[in-house]
Amino acid sequence: MKKKIVAILLLSVVALSNLGNVALVKAEDTDSKIAAQDSKINSITAQQADAQAKVNEIQAKVDSVFSEKSSLEAENAILEAESKKLSQEIEKLAADIVSRSSALEEQARSAQTDASATSYINTILDSKSIVDAFTRVNAMREIVEANNHMLEQQKEDKEAIAKKQVANQEAINTVEANWKKLDDAQQELNTQQAALKAAQLNLAAEKATAEDEKNRLLEEKAVAEAAARAAAEAQAAYQAQQAAVAQQQAAAVAAVSEQTPVVAPAPAAQVASVATPTPAPAQTPTPTPAPPAVSYNSAGNTYPVGQCTWGAKVRAPWVGNYWGNANQWLYSASAAGFRTGSTPQVGAVVVWTAGYYGHVAVVTAVNGSQIQVEESNYAGHQHVGNFRGWFSPAADGVSGYIYPN
């Protein structure tokens, strides 16, 4: 009996010992899992910190692009308003100059036809009395003073229009440069926003605890990263396209310099003084053959590269600088002494005034009611060339022509 009891006790001790070992193993296994989980949590926390830092970096870039975009758009709004105001002032000064020029030329012709000096003396000698003579002398003095005042005003207006034209052209060029910056900024913005989305999804994926949620987010991350790569490729393509356009423009200028020009440059017409009149300009020019060749280049061309005004200046160097947007050229040219009209002529600048900026080109051929032109910034081409062949200027809404002197 005692042996049986001792055996039972021994078995109980062994059993309890085994149970203790099992509990110890189980506790150690749980601790190991907790430690592994802690390690995993610490690793994920570190990855989340890295991802958040990347998000913060990209967000700063996006904020910078948005800030520059808003600043450039605000500057463009101010410059375009300034250009519009200057354009109105230039148009009024041009009209005054042209009108005053006609009056001065008419007086000069009248003075030459009437032999004014002899006429003035006869007027005084024919006076009926001394009082009458003084009255006539005073009247003639007032006429001379009025003419001198008109000449002085003409000079002041020409100086004023020259300054306003320079300021206007500078505003136009700055606006054009700002739009180019905005295009570049938009490409950068697209790239950074796509990268930001990829980083944010990566952060969300790292924070996900459920495997299926994490897998879904990883798939979205892969899509976002692909979009980021596509945006980066689009930006690279855009930059390559801009470089190609610049090469095209340089090649166009070089090609034009080797062609036979359609018109030789000549100085602007001078306003006649009272003592030396000049003949009145013809109202309707007739087409003439092209004169001898001269070399073309874009040196001294103040217009935005690639625009129609730049192309017209490259193709017809006699065109003045600082004439503004294309729809300002007719009255700017008139103020500078160039003839304008409605008849196409080889070598003339053809002007469209419709639209916000208008358009200009240079006539290279005339055949009845059809013409051909060379131009820039037409149908997306930002270099000089003949892009449309024969067309009807009347049907196309042409506003007028500027003729070389």
Protein backbone atom coordinates (compact mmCIF):
# COMPACT_ATOMS: atom_id res chain seq x y z
CA MET A 1 0.00 0.00 0.00
CA LYS A 2 2.82 2.30 0.91
CA LYS A 3 4.59 1.44 -2.35
CA LYS A 4 1.46 2.33 -4.30
CA ILE A 5 1.14 5.67 -2.55
CA VAL A 6 4.82 6.43 -3.20
CA ALA A 7 4.37 5.57 -6.86
CA ILE A 8 1.35 7.81 -7.15
CA LEU A 9 3.29 10.64 -5.52
CA LEU A 10 6.20 10.14 -7.90
CA LEU A 11 3.84 10.16 -10.88
CA SER A 12 2.23 13.33 -9.58
CA VAL A 13 5.62 15.02 -9.24
CA VAL A 14 6.56 14.00 -12.78
CA ALA A 15 3.21 15.18 -14.11
CA LEU A 16 3.48 18.52 -12.34
CA SER A 17 7.04 18.89 -13.60
CA ASN A 18 5.90 18.26 -17.18
CA LEU A 19 3.08 20.72 -16.81
CA GLY A 20 5.52 23.34 -15.56
CA ASN A 21 7.78 22.73 -18.53
CA VAL A 22 4.83 23.09 -20.91
CA ALA A 23 3.81 26.38 -19.26
CA LEU A 24 7.39 27.59 -19.42
CA VAL A 25 7.69 26.72 -23.10
CA LYS A 26 4.37 28.39 -23.84
CA ALA A 27 5.37 31.57 -21.98
CA GLU A 28 8.67 31.69 -23.76
CA ASP A 29 6.91 31.20 -27.12
CA THR A 30 4.47 34.08 -26.35
CA ASP A 31 7.34 36.35 -25.33
CA SER A 32 9.12 35.52 -28.55
CA LYS A 33 6.05 36.40 -30.58
CA ILE A 34 5.58 39.65 -28.66
CA ALA A 35 9.24 40.51 -29.27
CA ALA A 36 8.86 39.70 -32.96
CA GLN A 37 5.73 41.84 -33.15
CA ASP A 38 7.49 44.67 -31.34
CA SER A 39 10.33 44.44 -33.85
CA LYS A 40 7.86 44.50 -36.72
CA ILE A 41 6.03 47.50 -35.22
CA ASN A 42 9.32 49.34 -34.72
CA SER A 43 10.31 48.59 -38.31
CA ILE A 44 6.96 49.82 -39.65
CA THR A 45 7.18 52.95 -37.48
CA ALA A 46 10.59 53.75 -38.95
CA GLN A 47 9.29 53.19 -42.47
CA GLN A 48 6.30 55.43 -41.73
CA ALA A 49 8.65 58.20 -40.56
CA ASP A 50 10.68 57.89 -43.78
CA ALA A 51 7.52 57.92 -45.91
CA GLN A 52 6.15 60.94 -44.04
CA ALA A 53 9.42 62.81 -44.59
CA LYS A 54 9.14 62.12 -48.32
CA VAL A 55 5.51 63.31 -48.32
CA ASN A 56 6.55 66.52 -46.56
CA GLU A 57 9.38 67.12 -49.06
CA ILE A 58 7.12 66.65 -52.10
CA GLN A 59 4.36 68.76 -50.57
CA ALA A 60 6.85 71.61 -50.13
CA LYS A 61 7.73 71.37 -53.84
CA VAL A 62 4.05 71.36 -54.83
CA ASP A 63 3.39 74.41 -52.62
CA SER A 64 6.35 76.20 -54.23
CA VAL A 65 5.06 75.52 -57.76
CA PHE A 66 1.55 76.72 -56.82
CA SER A 67 3.01 79.89 -55.31
CA GLU A 68 5.05 80.66 -58.43
CA LYS A 69 2.06 79.90 -60.68
CA SER A 70 -0.19 82.31 -58.76
CA SER A 71 2.50 85.00 -58.74
CA LEU A 72 3.08 84.75 -62.51
CA GLU A 73 -0.64 84.80 -63.28
CA ALA A 74 -1.08 87.92 -61.13
CA GLU A 75 1.87 89.61 -62.88
CA ASN A 76 0.45 88.72 -66.30
CA ALA A 77 -2.94 90.24 -65.40
CA ILE A 78 -1.24 93.52 -64.43
CA LEU A 79 1.00 93.56 -67.53
CA GLU A 80 -1.86 92.77 -69.92
CA ALA A 81 -3.93 95.62 -68.42
CA GLU A 82 -0.92 97.94 -68.77
CA SER A 83 -0.39 96.83 -72.38
CA LYS A 84 -4.06 97.43 -73.18
CA LYS A 85 -3.88 100.97 -71.74
CA LEU A 86 -0.63 101.71 -73.61
CA SER A 87 -2.14 100.35 -76.81
CA GLN A 88 -5.06 102.79 -76.56
CA GLU A 89 -2.69 105.69 -75.90
CA ILE A 90 -0.42 104.66 -78.80
CA GLU A 91 -3.42 104.41 -81.16
CA LYS A 92 -4.54 107.95 -80.26
CA LEU A 93 -1.02 109.40 -80.65
CA ALA A 94 -0.63 107.62 -83.98
CA ALA A 95 -3.91 109.09 -85.25
CA ASP A 96 -2.85 112.59 -84.13
CA ILE A 97 0.57 112.25 -85.81
CA VAL A 98 -0.90 111.04 -89.11
CA SER A 99 -3.60 113.77 -89.09
CA ARG A 100 -1.08 116.49 -88.24
CA SER A 101 1.31 115.24 -90.92
CA SER A 102 -1.40 115.62 -93.55
CA ALA A 103 -2.15 119.17 -92.37
CA LEU A 104 1.52 120.19 -92.45
CA GLU A 105 2.02 118.68 -95.92
CA GLU A 106 -1.06 120.49 -97.21
CA GLN A 107 0.17 123.82 -95.82
CA ALA A 108 3.59 123.23 -97.32
CA ARG A 109 2.08 122.56 -100.76
CA SER A 110 -0.15 125.65 -100.45
CA ALA A 111 2.78 127.84 -99.45
CA GLN A 112 4.86 126.62 -102.40
CA THR A 113 1.99 127.03 -104.90
CA ASP A 114 1.02 130.50 -103.72
CA ALA A 115 4.62 131.79 -103.47
CA SER A 116 3.92 132.74 -99.85
CA ALA A 117 6.64 135.37 -99.29
CA THR A 118 5.45 137.49 -102.27
CA SER A 119 1.84 136.91 -101.29
CA TYR A 120 2.48 138.13 -97.73
CA ILE A 121 4.20 141.32 -99.00
CA ASN A 122 1.36 142.03 -101.45
CA THR A 123 -1.13 141.52 -98.64
CA ILE A 124 0.61 144.19 -96.56
CA LEU A 125 0.98 146.59 -99.54
CA ASP A 126 -2.69 146.22 -100.41
CA SER A 127 -3.71 147.35 -96.94
CA LYS A 128 -6.10 150.31 -96.95
CA SER A 129 -4.57 151.89 -93.87
CA ILE A 130 -1.84 151.50 -91.28
CA VAL A 131 -4.33 149.93 -88.91
CA ASP A 132 -5.34 147.45 -91.63
CA ALA A 133 -1.67 146.66 -92.29
CA PHE A 134 -0.98 146.00 -88.58
CA THR A 135 -4.04 143.78 -88.42
CA ARG A 136 -2.85 141.74 -91.40
CA VAL A 137 0.69 141.46 -90.03
CA ASN A 138 -0.68 140.21 -86.69
CA ALA A 139 -2.88 137.67 -88.47
CA MET A 140 0.10 136.34 -90.45
CA ARG A 141 2.18 136.18 -87.24
CA GLU A 142 -0.54 134.12 -85.55
CA ILE A 143 -0.59 131.71 -88.50
CA VAL A 144 3.21 131.27 -88.33
CA GLU A 145 3.06 130.76 -84.55
CA ALA A 146 0.29 128.18 -84.94
CA ASN A 147 2.37 126.29 -87.51
CA ASN A 148 5.41 126.36 -85.23
CA HIS A 149 3.28 125.11 -82.35
CA MET A 150 1.95 122.30 -84.57
CA LEU A 151 5.51 121.28 -85.51
CA GLU A 152 6.58 121.29 -81.86
CA GLN A 153 3.55 119.21 -80.86
CA GLN A 154 4.32 116.78 -83.69
CA LYS A 155 7.86 116.34 -82.34
CA GLU A 156 6.64 115.80 -78.75
CA ASP A 157 4.00 113.26 -79.85
CA LYS A 158 6.59 111.27 -81.83
CA GLU A 159 8.88 111.12 -78.81
CA ALA A 160 5.94 110.08 -76.60
CA ILE A 161 4.77 107.33 -78.95
CA ALA A 162 8.31 105.93 -79.19
CA LYS A 163 8.57 105.62 -75.39
CA LYS A 164 5.10 104.08 -75.05
CA GLN A 165 5.83 101.58 -77.84
CA VAL A 166 9.00 100.41 -76.07
CA ALA A 167 7.12 100.05 -72.75
CA ASN A 168 4.26 98.22 -74.50
CA GLN A 169 6.63 95.79 -76.24
CA GLU A 170 8.45 95.08 -72.97
CA ALA A 171 5.12 94.26 -71.29
CA ILE A 172 4.13 91.98 -74.18
CA ASN A 173 7.48 90.16 -74.07
CA THR A 174 7.31 89.70 -70.29
CA VAL A 175 3.78 88.25 -70.53
CA GLU A 176 4.98 85.82 -73.20
CA ALA A 177 7.95 84.77 -71.02
CA ASN A 178 5.65 84.31 -68.02
CA TRP A 179 3.34 82.01 -69.98
CA LYS A 180 6.38 79.91 -70.89
CA LYS A 181 7.33 79.75 -67.19
CA LEU A 182 3.75 78.72 -66.34
CA ASP A 183 3.89 75.90 -68.90
CA ASP A 184 7.15 74.68 -67.38
CA ALA A 185 5.73 75.03 -63.84
CA GLN A 186 2.60 73.05 -64.80
CA GLN A 187 4.75 70.19 -66.08
CA GLU A 188 6.76 70.24 -62.84
CA LEU A 189 3.54 70.39 -60.82
CA ASN A 190 2.09 67.34 -62.61
CA THR A 191 5.26 65.37 -61.89
CA GLN A 192 5.41 66.36 -58.21
CA GLN A 193 1.70 65.73 -57.61
CA ALA A 194 1.98 62.25 -59.11
CA ALA A 195 5.03 61.55 -56.93
CA LEU A 196 3.16 62.89 -53.89
CA LYS A 197 0.24 60.55 -54.49
CA ALA A 198 2.60 57.59 -54.80
CA ALA A 199 4.34 58.55 -51.52
CA GLN A 200 1.04 59.01 -49.70
CA LEU A 201 -0.24 55.62 -50.86
CA ASN A 202 3.06 54.05 -49.84
CA LEU A 203 2.62 55.55 -46.37
CA ALA A 204 -0.94 54.23 -46.16
CA ALA A 205 0.26 50.80 -47.25
CA GLU A 206 2.90 50.77 -44.49
CA LYS A 207 0.26 51.72 -41.93
CA ALA A 208 -2.13 48.98 -43.04
CA THR A 209 -2.27 46.00 -40.66
CA ALA A 210 -4.53 43.67 -42.55
CA GLU A 211 -2.75 41.77 -45.33
CA ASP A 212 -5.58 42.14 -47.85
CA GLU A 213 -5.79 45.92 -47.24
CA LYS A 214 -2.06 46.21 -47.59
CA ASN A 215 -2.11 44.25 -50.85
CA ARG A 216 -4.83 46.51 -52.24
CA LEU A 217 -2.87 49.61 -51.29
CA LEU A 218 0.29 48.16 -52.77
CA GLU A 219 -1.54 47.65 -56.06
CA GLU A 220 -2.70 51.28 -55.98
CA LYS A 221 0.84 52.30 -55.12
CA ALA A 222 2.13 50.43 -58.16
CA VAL A 223 -0.42 52.24 -60.34
CA ALA A 224 0.51 55.61 -58.76
CA GLU A 225 4.23 54.94 -59.27
CA ALA A 226 3.52 54.09 -62.90
CA ALA A 227 1.60 57.39 -63.22
CA ALA A 228 4.53 59.22 -61.60
CA ARG A 229 6.92 57.63 -64.12
CA ALA A 230 4.55 58.60 -66.94
CA ALA A 231 4.39 62.20 -65.66
CA ALA A 232 8.19 62.33 -65.47
CA GLU A 233 8.41 60.96 -69.02
CA ALA A 234 5.83 63.56 -70.16
CA GLN A 235 7.92 66.32 -68.59
CA ALA A 236 11.06 65.01 -70.30
CA ALA A 237 9.18 64.86 -73.62
CA TYR A 238 7.92 68.40 -73.09
CA GLN A 239 11.44 69.66 -72.42
CA ALA A 240 12.73 67.82 -75.50
CA GLN A 241 9.91 69.32 -77.58
CA GLN A 242 10.81 72.82 -76.34
CA ALA A 243 14.45 72.23 -77.28
CA ALA A 244 13.37 71.01 -80.73
CA VAL A 245 11.24 74.14 -81.24
CA ALA A 246 14.24 76.32 -80.34
CA GLN A 247 16.38 74.44 -82.89
CA GLN A 248 13.61 74.83 -85.51
CA GLN A 249 13.48 78.57 -84.90
CA ALA A 250 17.26 78.93 -85.23
CA ALA A 251 17.23 76.82 -88.40
CA ALA A 252 14.36 78.91 -89.82
CA VAL A 253 16.31 82.14 -89.30
CA ALA A 254 19.39 80.59 -90.94
CA ALA A 255 17.28 79.31 -93.86
CA VAL A 256 15.56 82.65 -94.38
CA SER A 257 18.95 84.41 -94.45
CA GLU A 258 19.88 82.34 -97.52
CA GLN A 259 16.67 83.19 -99.45
CA THR A 260 16.08 86.06 -101.81
CA PRO A 261 14.11 88.65 -99.81
CA VAL A 262 10.85 90.02 -101.05
CA VAL A 263 11.64 93.64 -100.21
CA ALA A 264 14.65 95.82 -99.41
CA PRO A 265 14.72 97.80 -96.14
CA ALA A 266 14.29 101.55 -96.40
CA PRO A 267 14.11 104.42 -93.85
CA ALA A 268 10.74 105.59 -92.61
CA ALA A 269 9.19 108.54 -94.37
CA GLN A 270 10.00 111.92 -92.79
CA VAL A 271 7.26 114.46 -92.02
CA ALA A 272 7.62 117.46 -94.33
CA SER A 273 8.24 120.91 -92.87
CA VAL A 274 6.30 123.98 -94.00
CA ALA A 275 9.21 125.16 -96.10
CA THR A 276 10.00 121.80 -97.73
CA PRO A 277 6.85 119.85 -98.67
CA THR A 278 6.84 116.24 -99.81
CA PRO A 279 4.41 114.65 -102.29
CA ALA A 280 1.26 113.05 -100.88
CA PRO A 281 1.49 109.22 -100.58
CA ALA A 282 -0.38 107.11 -103.09
CA GLN A 283 -3.70 105.83 -101.76
CA THR A 284 -3.69 102.47 -103.61
CA PRO A 285 -0.30 100.76 -104.14
CA THR A 286 0.29 98.52 -107.13
CA PRO A 287 2.19 95.23 -106.90
CA THR A 288 5.86 95.46 -107.88
CA PRO A 289 8.54 92.81 -108.54
CA ALA A 290 10.91 91.91 -105.72
CA PRO A 291 14.03 94.17 -105.50
CA PRO A 292 17.65 92.90 -105.36
CA ALA A 293 18.65 90.50 -102.60
CA VAL A 294 19.68 91.56 -99.12
CA SER A 295 20.61 89.33 -96.19
CA TYR A 296 18.05 88.56 -93.51
CA ASN A 297 18.72 88.00 -89.83
CA SER A 298 16.98 88.36 -86.46
CA ALA A 299 19.56 90.64 -84.85
CA GLY A 300 17.84 93.59 -83.15
CA ASN A 301 14.45 91.85 -83.34
CA THR A 302 12.59 92.92 -80.16
CA TYR A 303 9.56 90.64 -80.65
CA PRO A 304 9.01 87.32 -78.76
CA VAL A 305 10.83 84.48 -80.53
CA GLY A 306 8.46 82.19 -82.39
CA GLN A 307 5.53 84.63 -82.45
CA CYS A 308 4.06 86.04 -85.70
CA THR A 309 5.51 89.52 -85.01
CA TRP A 310 9.00 88.03 -84.65
CA GLY A 311 8.56 86.06 -87.89
CA ALA A 312 7.40 89.13 -89.84
CA LYS A 313 10.43 91.11 -88.59
CA VAL A 314 12.76 88.24 -89.59
CA ARG A 315 11.21 88.08 -93.09
CA ALA A 316 10.91 91.88 -93.56
CA PRO A 317 13.72 93.63 -91.61
CA TRP A 318 12.40 97.08 -92.61
CA VAL A 319 9.58 96.57 -90.10
CA GLY A 320 10.04 98.73 -87.01
CA ASN A 321 10.65 97.42 -83.51
CA TYR A 322 8.22 98.05 -80.62
CA TRP A 323 5.08 98.08 -82.81
CA GLY A 324 3.28 95.97 -80.18
CA ASN A 325 0.90 93.07 -80.81
CA ALA A 326 -0.07 92.29 -84.39
CA ASN A 327 -3.43 94.10 -84.14
CA GLN A 328 -1.52 97.32 -83.28
CA TRP A 329 0.75 97.28 -86.33
CA LEU A 330 -1.42 99.23 -88.81
CA TYR A 331 -1.55 102.42 -86.76
CA SER A 332 2.00 101.98 -85.38
CA ALA A 333 3.31 101.75 -88.96
CA SER A 334 1.25 104.77 -90.04
CA ALA A 335 2.73 106.80 -87.19
CA ALA A 336 6.22 105.73 -88.31
CA GLY A 337 5.53 107.09 -91.84
CA PHE A 338 4.78 103.83 -93.68
CA ARG A 339 1.94 103.60 -96.20
CA THR A 340 -1.02 101.32 -95.48
CA GLY A 341 -3.83 100.14 -97.73
CA SER A 342 -6.09 97.30 -98.79
CA THR A 343 -4.31 95.99 -101.92
CA PRO A 344 -1.95 92.99 -101.56
CA GLN A 345 1.61 93.53 -102.76
CA VAL A 346 4.68 91.29 -102.75
CA GLY A 347 6.86 92.36 -99.82
CA ALA A 348 4.03 93.99 -97.88
CA VAL A 349 3.07 92.96 -94.35
CA VAL A 350 -0.48 91.61 -94.23
CA VAL A 351 -2.36 92.31 -90.98
CA TRP A 352 -5.28 90.59 -89.25
CA THR A 353 -6.70 92.62 -86.32
CA ALA A 354 -9.30 90.09 -85.13
CA GLY A 355 -8.70 88.26 -81.85
CA TYR A 356 -6.90 89.32 -78.71
CA TYR A 357 -3.47 89.64 -80.38
CA GLY A 358 -4.20 89.69 -84.14
CA HIS A 359 -1.76 88.18 -86.65
CA VAL A 360 0.83 89.36 -89.22
CA ALA A 361 2.65 87.74 -92.13
CA VAL A 362 4.71 88.81 -95.18
CA VAL A 363 3.26 88.53 -98.70
CA THR A 364 5.52 86.45 -100.98
CA ALA A 365 3.25 86.04 -104.05
CA VAL A 366 0.10 87.60 -105.51
CA ASN A 367 -2.13 86.02 -108.17
CA GLY A 368 -5.38 87.92 -108.70
CA SER A 369 -7.47 87.55 -105.54
CA GLN A 370 -5.13 84.90 -104.11
CA ILE A 371 -1.91 85.40 -102.11
CA GLN A 372 0.83 83.36 -100.47
CA VAL A 373 2.60 84.38 -97.28
CA GLU A 374 5.47 83.41 -95.00
CA GLU A 375 4.72 83.59 -91.28
CA SER A 376 5.40 82.20 -87.82
CA ASN A 377 3.13 80.89 -85.03
CA TYR A 378 0.59 79.48 -87.52
CA ALA A 379 -0.97 76.03 -86.96
CA GLY A 380 1.49 75.41 -84.12
CA HIS A 381 4.62 76.17 -86.18
CA GLN A 382 6.84 78.57 -84.23
CA HIS A 383 9.32 79.18 -87.06
CA VAL A 384 9.10 81.05 -90.37
CA GLY A 385 7.63 79.25 -93.38
CA ASN A 386 4.84 79.01 -95.97
CA PHE A 387 2.29 76.85 -94.17
CA ARG A 388 -0.96 77.44 -96.11
CA GLY A 389 -0.17 77.94 -99.83
CA TRP A 390 -2.61 80.02 -101.92
CA PHE A 391 -5.58 81.53 -100.07
CA SER A 392 -8.07 84.41 -100.39
CA PRO A 393 -7.23 87.31 -98.03
CA ALA A 394 -10.76 88.70 -98.36
CA ALA A 395 -12.32 85.42 -97.23
CA ASP A 396 -9.74 85.05 -94.47
CA GLY A 397 -10.60 88.39 -92.80
CA VAL A 398 -7.45 90.39 -93.66
CA SER A 399 -7.66 93.94 -92.26
CA GLY A 400 -5.00 95.69 -94.34
CA TYR A 401 -1.42 95.87 -95.58
CA ILE A 402 1.73 97.82 -94.61
CA TYR A 403 4.00 98.74 -97.55
CA PRO A 404 7.78 99.30 -97.45
CA ASN A 405 8.88 102.83 -98.38
